[in-house]
Amino acid sequence: MIPQDFESWKDCMERQCRIPLTAAFARQRLNVYNNPELPETQQFIRLYGEEHHKRVVDWFSRIALERIR
């Protein structure tokens, strides 16, 4: 199941996938997902859709900002 809210997504990433959501990781992902020319971004959108792409970009932005404070 694809998470539909921030807390579910964060739990999925950190607990289930064991990916630490650091500011550096979030910025790296944002560099990819904010570039529509990259094949990785295009594939993500093809697989999960525009709406989920927008949500994930928002969530990574939130992580990047939270970790800076």
PDB file of N, CA and C in Angstrom:
ATOM      1  N   MET A   1       0.837  -1.180   0.000  1.00  0.00           N
ATOM      2  CA  MET A   1       0.000   0.000   0.000  1.00  0.00           C
ATOM      3  C   MET A   1       0.887   1.251   0.000  1.00  0.00           C
ATOM      4  N   ILE A   2       0.492   2.225  -0.777  1.00  0.00           N
ATOM      5  CA  ILE A   2       1.222   3.483  -0.877  1.00  0.00           C
ATOM      6  C   ILE A   2       0.710   4.427   0.211  1.00  0.00           C
ATOM      7  N   PRO A   3       1.588   4.914   1.082  1.00  0.00           N
ATOM      8  CA  PRO A   3       1.148   5.834   2.141  1.00  0.00           C
ATOM      9  C   PRO A   3       0.511   7.098   1.555  1.00  0.00           C
ATOM     10  N   GLN A   4      -0.560   7.544   2.202  1.00  0.00           N
ATOM     11  CA  GLN A   4      -1.304   8.706   1.737  1.00  0.00           C
ATOM     12  C   GLN A   4      -1.119   9.930   2.625  1.00  0.00           C
ATOM     13  N   ASP A   5      -0.445   9.768   3.769  1.00  0.00           N
ATOM     14  CA  ASP A   5      -0.224  10.907   4.649  1.00  0.00           C
ATOM     15  C   ASP A   5       1.214  10.882   5.157  1.00  0.00           C
ATOM     16  N   PHE A   6       1.657  12.029   5.635  1.00  0.00           N
ATOM     17  CA  PHE A   6       3.045  12.208   6.037  1.00  0.00           C
ATOM     18  C   PHE A   6       3.494  11.198   7.091  1.00  0.00           C
ATOM     19  N   GLU A   7       2.735  11.033   8.139  1.00  0.00           N
ATOM     20  CA  GLU A   7       3.151  10.148   9.230  1.00  0.00           C
ATOM     21  C   GLU A   7       3.258   8.702   8.769  1.00  0.00           C
ATOM     22  N   SER A   8       2.330   8.243   7.945  1.00  0.00           N
ATOM     23  CA  SER A   8       2.397   6.869   7.417  1.00  0.00           C
ATOM     24  C   SER A   8       3.612   6.699   6.514  1.00  0.00           C
ATOM     25  N   TRP A   9       3.863   7.694   5.678  1.00  0.00           N
ATOM     26  CA  TRP A   9       5.017   7.650   4.777  1.00  0.00           C
ATOM     27  C   TRP A   9       6.318   7.645   5.576  1.00  0.00           C
ATOM     28  N   LYS A  10       6.402   8.522   6.569  1.00  0.00           N
ATOM     29  CA  LYS A  10       7.600   8.612   7.412  1.00  0.00           C
ATOM     30  C   LYS A  10       7.847   7.283   8.130  1.00  0.00           C
ATOM     31  N   ASP A  11       6.802   6.695   8.662  1.00  0.00           N
ATOM     32  CA  ASP A  11       6.908   5.401   9.334  1.00  0.00           C
ATOM     33  C   ASP A  11       7.370   4.328   8.354  1.00  0.00           C
ATOM     34  N   CYS A  12       6.803   4.318   7.180  1.00  0.00           N
ATOM     35  CA  CYS A  12       7.179   3.353   6.145  1.00  0.00           C
ATOM     36  C   CYS A  12       8.655   3.496   5.788  1.00  0.00           C
ATOM     37  N   MET A  13       9.087   4.710   5.571  1.00  0.00           N
ATOM     38  CA  MET A  13      10.482   4.958   5.178  1.00  0.00           C
ATOM     39  C   MET A  13      11.454   4.585   6.298  1.00  0.00           C
ATOM     40  N   GLU A  14      11.190   5.062   7.507  1.00  0.00           N
ATOM     41  CA  GLU A  14      12.144   4.888   8.604  1.00  0.00           C
ATOM     42  C   GLU A  14      12.075   3.517   9.262  1.00  0.00           C
ATOM     43  N   ARG A  15      10.883   3.032   9.505  1.00  0.00           N
ATOM     44  CA  ARG A  15      10.754   1.782  10.258  1.00  0.00           C
ATOM     45  C   ARG A  15      10.756   0.568   9.342  1.00  0.00           C
ATOM     46  N   GLN A  16       9.917   0.599   8.324  1.00  0.00           N
ATOM     47  CA  GLN A  16       9.793  -0.575   7.462  1.00  0.00           C
ATOM     48  C   GLN A  16      10.935  -0.692   6.455  1.00  0.00           C
ATOM     49  N   CYS A  17      11.312   0.429   5.831  1.00  0.00           N
ATOM     50  CA  CYS A  17      12.384   0.416   4.820  1.00  0.00           C
ATOM     51  C   CYS A  17      13.750   0.671   5.422  1.00  0.00           C
ATOM     52  N   ARG A  18      13.760   1.133   6.673  1.00  0.00           N
ATOM     53  CA  ARG A  18      15.004   1.429   7.397  1.00  0.00           C
ATOM     54  C   ARG A  18      15.878   2.451   6.673  1.00  0.00           C
ATOM     55  N   ILE A  19      15.211   3.500   6.167  1.00  0.00           N
ATOM     56  CA  ILE A  19      15.905   4.608   5.518  1.00  0.00           C
ATOM     57  C   ILE A  19      15.837   5.810   6.454  1.00  0.00           C
ATOM     58  N   PRO A  20      16.957   6.254   6.997  1.00  0.00           N
ATOM     59  CA  PRO A  20      16.932   7.428   7.867  1.00  0.00           C
ATOM     60  C   PRO A  20      16.586   8.685   7.069  1.00  0.00           C
ATOM     61  N   LEU A  21      15.603   9.399   7.516  1.00  0.00           N
ATOM     62  CA  LEU A  21      15.165  10.617   6.824  1.00  0.00           C
ATOM     63  C   LEU A  21      15.942  11.818   7.357  1.00  0.00           C
ATOM     64  N   THR A  22      17.169  11.924   6.920  1.00  0.00           N
ATOM     65  CA  THR A  22      18.013  13.050   7.306  1.00  0.00           C
ATOM     66  C   THR A  22      17.764  14.215   6.354  1.00  0.00           C
ATOM     67  N   ALA A  23      18.183  15.397   6.765  1.00  0.00           N
ATOM     68  CA  ALA A  23      18.052  16.572   5.900  1.00  0.00           C
ATOM     69  C   ALA A  23      18.865  16.379   4.623  1.00  0.00           C
ATOM     70  N   ALA A  24      20.050  15.803   4.747  1.00  0.00           N
ATOM     71  CA  ALA A  24      20.902  15.585   3.576  1.00  0.00           C
ATOM     72  C   ALA A  24      20.233  14.628   2.589  1.00  0.00           C
ATOM     73  N   PHE A  25      19.649  13.551   3.100  1.00  0.00           N
ATOM     74  CA  PHE A  25      18.963  12.598   2.232  1.00  0.00           C
ATOM     75  C   PHE A  25      17.760  13.262   1.570  1.00  0.00           C
ATOM     76  N   ALA A  26      16.997  14.029   2.337  1.00  0.00           N
ATOM     77  CA  ALA A  26      15.825  14.719   1.798  1.00  0.00           C
ATOM     78  C   ALA A  26      16.234  15.689   0.685  1.00  0.00           C
ATOM     79  N   ARG A  27      17.298  16.440   0.901  1.00  0.00           N
ATOM     80  CA  ARG A  27      17.771  17.374  -0.138  1.00  0.00           C
ATOM     81  C   ARG A  27      18.208  16.629  -1.397  1.00  0.00           C
ATOM     82  N   GLN A  28      18.864  15.505  -1.223  1.00  0.00           N
ATOM     83  CA  GLN A  28      19.308  14.709  -2.372  1.00  0.00           C
ATOM     84  C   GLN A  28      18.108  14.216  -3.166  1.00  0.00           C
ATOM     85  N   ARG A  29      17.095  13.732  -2.472  1.00  0.00           N
ATOM     86  CA  ARG A  29      15.879  13.259  -3.152  1.00  0.00           C
ATOM     87  C   ARG A  29      15.157  14.413  -3.833  1.00  0.00           C
ATOM     88  N   LEU A  30      15.128  15.568  -3.183  1.00  0.00           N
ATOM     89  CA  LEU A  30      14.485  16.735  -3.791  1.00  0.00           C
ATOM     90  C   LEU A  30      15.208  17.169  -5.060  1.00  0.00           C
ATOM     91  N   ASN A  31      16.532  17.063  -5.073  1.00  0.00           N
ATOM     92  CA  ASN A  31      17.278  17.394  -6.287  1.00  0.00           C
ATOM     93  C   ASN A  31      16.859  16.503  -7.444  1.00  0.00           C
ATOM     94  N   VAL A  32      16.551  15.275  -7.147  1.00  0.00           N
ATOM     95  CA  VAL A  32      16.104  14.340  -8.185  1.00  0.00           C
ATOM     96  C   VAL A  32      14.652  14.616  -8.547  1.00  0.00           C
ATOM     97  N   TYR A  33      13.768  14.613  -7.564  1.00  0.00           N
ATOM     98  CA  TYR A  33      12.325  14.691  -7.838  1.00  0.00           C
ATOM     99  C   TYR A  33      11.872  16.061  -8.326  1.00  0.00           C
ATOM    100  N   ASN A  34      12.676  17.086  -8.141  1.00  0.00           N
ATOM    101  CA  ASN A  34      12.335  18.408  -8.671  1.00  0.00           C
ATOM    102  C   ASN A  34      12.864  18.621 -10.088  1.00  0.00           C
ATOM    103  N   ASN A  35      13.505  17.614 -10.648  1.00  0.00           N
ATOM    104  CA  ASN A  35      14.021  17.707 -12.011  1.00  0.00           C
ATOM    105  C   ASN A  35      13.237  16.742 -12.910  1.00  0.00           C
ATOM    106  N   PRO A  36      12.246  17.259 -13.635  1.00  0.00           N
ATOM    107  CA  PRO A  36      11.403  16.385 -14.465  1.00  0.00           C
ATOM    108  C   PRO A  36      12.141  15.776 -15.659  1.00  0.00           C
ATOM    109  N   GLU A  37      13.351  16.234 -15.942  1.00  0.00           N
ATOM    110  CA  GLU A  37      14.127  15.695 -17.066  1.00  0.00           C
ATOM    111  C   GLU A  37      14.843  14.384 -16.711  1.00  0.00           C
ATOM    112  N   LEU A  38      14.992  14.109 -15.425  1.00  0.00           N
ATOM    113  CA  LEU A  38      15.715  12.909 -15.017  1.00  0.00           C
ATOM    114  C   LEU A  38      14.867  11.655 -15.208  1.00  0.00           C
ATOM    115  N   PRO A  39      15.459  10.597 -15.756  1.00  0.00           N
ATOM    116  CA  PRO A  39      14.720   9.342 -15.943  1.00  0.00           C
ATOM    117  C   PRO A  39      14.140   8.795 -14.629  1.00  0.00           C
ATOM    118  N   GLU A  40      14.859   8.957 -13.532  1.00  0.00           N
ATOM    119  CA  GLU A  40      14.361   8.463 -12.234  1.00  0.00           C
ATOM    120  C   GLU A  40      13.066   9.161 -11.836  1.00  0.00           C
ATOM    121  N   THR A  41      13.015  10.465 -12.053  1.00  0.00           N
ATOM    122  CA  THR A  41      11.810  11.233 -11.737  1.00  0.00           C
ATOM    123  C   THR A  41      10.670  10.829 -12.661  1.00  0.00           C
ATOM    124  N   GLN A  42      10.957  10.690 -13.930  1.00  0.00           N
ATOM    125  CA  GLN A  42       9.939  10.285 -14.896  1.00  0.00           C
ATOM    126  C   GLN A  42       9.379   8.905 -14.556  1.00  0.00           C
ATOM    127  N   GLN A  43      10.246   7.996 -14.166  1.00  0.00           N
ATOM    128  CA  GLN A  43       9.792   6.656 -13.793  1.00  0.00           C
ATOM    129  C   GLN A  43       8.938   6.703 -12.523  1.00  0.00           C
ATOM    130  N   PHE A  44       9.347   7.493 -11.552  1.00  0.00           N
ATOM    131  CA  PHE A  44       8.573   7.628 -10.319  1.00  0.00           C
ATOM    132  C   PHE A  44       7.157   8.105 -10.647  1.00  0.00           C
ATOM    133  N   ILE A  45       7.056   9.112 -11.484  1.00  0.00           N
ATOM    134  CA  ILE A  45       5.745   9.652 -11.853  1.00  0.00           C
ATOM    135  C   ILE A  45       4.934   8.618 -12.629  1.00  0.00           C
ATOM    136  N   ARG A  46       5.580   7.892 -13.527  1.00  0.00           N
ATOM    137  CA  ARG A  46       4.876   6.838 -14.278  1.00  0.00           C
ATOM    138  C   ARG A  46       4.328   5.771 -13.339  1.00  0.00           C
ATOM    139  N   LEU A  47       5.128   5.382 -12.358  1.00  0.00           N
ATOM    140  CA  LEU A  47       4.727   4.314 -11.443  1.00  0.00           C
ATOM    141  C   LEU A  47       3.689   4.752 -10.416  1.00  0.00           C
ATOM    142  N   TYR A  48       3.851   5.967  -9.868  1.00  0.00           N
ATOM    143  CA  TYR A  48       3.031   6.380  -8.735  1.00  0.00           C
ATOM    144  C   TYR A  48       2.088   7.541  -9.020  1.00  0.00           C
ATOM    145  N   GLY A  49       2.251   8.209 -10.153  1.00  0.00           N
ATOM    146  CA  GLY A  49       1.362   9.304 -10.522  1.00  0.00           C
ATOM    147  C   GLY A  49       1.833  10.667 -10.043  1.00  0.00           C
ATOM    148  N   GLU A  50       1.278  11.684 -10.701  1.00  0.00           N
ATOM    149  CA  GLU A  50       1.630  13.081 -10.397  1.00  0.00           C
ATOM    150  C   GLU A  50       1.270  13.472  -8.965  1.00  0.00           C
ATOM    151  N   GLU A  51       0.097  13.071  -8.525  1.00  0.00           N
ATOM    152  CA  GLU A  51      -0.347  13.469  -7.176  1.00  0.00           C
ATOM    153  C   GLU A  51       0.581  12.931  -6.094  1.00  0.00           C
ATOM    154  N   HIS A  52       0.949  11.665  -6.211  1.00  0.00           N
ATOM    155  CA  HIS A  52       1.843  11.095  -5.201  1.00  0.00           C
ATOM    156  C   HIS A  52       3.224  11.744  -5.300  1.00  0.00           C
ATOM    157  N   HIS A  53       3.667  12.025  -6.495  1.00  0.00           N
ATOM    158  CA  HIS A  53       4.942  12.719  -6.684  1.00  0.00           C
ATOM    159  C   HIS A  53       4.920  14.047  -5.937  1.00  0.00           C
ATOM    160  N   LYS A  54       3.852  14.811  -6.096  1.00  0.00           N
ATOM    161  CA  LYS A  54       3.733  16.102  -5.411  1.00  0.00           C
ATOM    162  C   LYS A  54       3.752  15.925  -3.896  1.00  0.00           C
ATOM    163  N   ARG A  55       3.046  14.896  -3.416  1.00  0.00           N
ATOM    164  CA  ARG A  55       3.032  14.632  -1.971  1.00  0.00           C
ATOM    165  C   ARG A  55       4.432  14.300  -1.470  1.00  0.00           C
ATOM    166  N   VAL A  56       5.147  13.442  -2.186  1.00  0.00           N
ATOM    167  CA  VAL A  56       6.483  13.035  -1.752  1.00  0.00           C
ATOM    168  C   VAL A  56       7.439  14.226  -1.757  1.00  0.00           C
ATOM    169  N   VAL A  57       7.343  15.078  -2.767  1.00  0.00           N
ATOM    170  CA  VAL A  57       8.175  16.289  -2.794  1.00  0.00           C
ATOM    171  C   VAL A  57       7.849  17.158  -1.575  1.00  0.00           C
ATOM    172  N   ASP A  58       6.576  17.318  -1.263  1.00  0.00           N
ATOM    173  CA  ASP A  58       6.179  18.087  -0.079  1.00  0.00           C
ATOM    174  C   ASP A  58       6.730  17.451   1.193  1.00  0.00           C
ATOM    175  N   TRP A  59       6.635  16.141   1.295  1.00  0.00           N
ATOM    176  CA  TRP A  59       7.112  15.454   2.499  1.00  0.00           C
ATOM    177  C   TRP A  59       8.623  15.558   2.646  1.00  0.00           C
ATOM    178  N   PHE A  60       9.359  15.387   1.549  1.00  0.00           N
ATOM    179  CA  PHE A  60      10.813  15.547   1.633  1.00  0.00           C
ATOM    180  C   PHE A  60      11.176  16.990   1.974  1.00  0.00           C
ATOM    181  N   SER A  61      10.425  17.945   1.462  1.00  0.00           N
ATOM    182  CA  SER A  61      10.663  19.357   1.800  1.00  0.00           C
ATOM    183  C   SER A  61      10.439  19.575   3.286  1.00  0.00           C
ATOM    184  N   ARG A  62       9.407  18.978   3.806  1.00  0.00           N
ATOM    185  CA  ARG A  62       9.112  19.092   5.238  1.00  0.00           C
ATOM    186  C   ARG A  62      10.253  18.513   6.069  1.00  0.00           C
ATOM    187  N   ILE A  63      10.763  17.349   5.677  1.00  0.00           N
ATOM    188  CA  ILE A  63      11.881  16.727   6.393  1.00  0.00           C
ATOM    189  C   ILE A  63      13.102  17.627   6.319  1.00  0.00           C
ATOM    190  N   ALA A  64      13.401  18.147   5.141  1.00  0.00           N
ATOM    191  CA  ALA A  64      14.574  19.002   4.975  1.00  0.00           C
ATOM    192  C   ALA A  64      14.481  20.226   5.868  1.00  0.00           C
ATOM    193  N   LEU A  65      13.293  20.825   5.956  1.00  0.00           N
ATOM    194  CA  LEU A  65      13.104  22.016   6.792  1.00  0.00           C
ATOM    195  C   LEU A  65      13.109  21.687   8.280  1.00  0.00           C
ATOM    196  N   GLU A  66      12.492  20.585   8.664  1.00  0.00           N
ATOM    197  CA  GLU A  66      12.449  20.194  10.085  1.00  0.00           C
ATOM    198  C   GLU A  66      13.842  19.935  10.622  1.00  0.00           C
ATOM    199  N   ARG A  67      14.678  19.295   9.837  1.00  0.00           N
ATOM    200  CA  ARG A  67      15.988  18.882  10.301  1.00  0.00           C
ATOM    201  C   ARG A  67      16.965  20.056  10.364  1.00  0.00           C
ATOM    202  N   ILE A  68      16.627  21.155   9.695  1.00  0.00           N
ATOM    203  CA  ILE A  68      17.496  22.338   9.731  1.00  0.00           C
ATOM    204  C   ILE A  68      17.310  23.091  11.045  1.00  0.00           C
ATOM    205  N   ARG A  69      16.119  23.077  11.568  1.00  0.00           N
ATOM    206  CA  ARG A  69      15.801  23.840  12.791  1.00  0.00           C
ATOM    207  C   ARG A  69      16.510  23.309  14.003  1.00  0.00           C
TER     208      ARG A  69
END
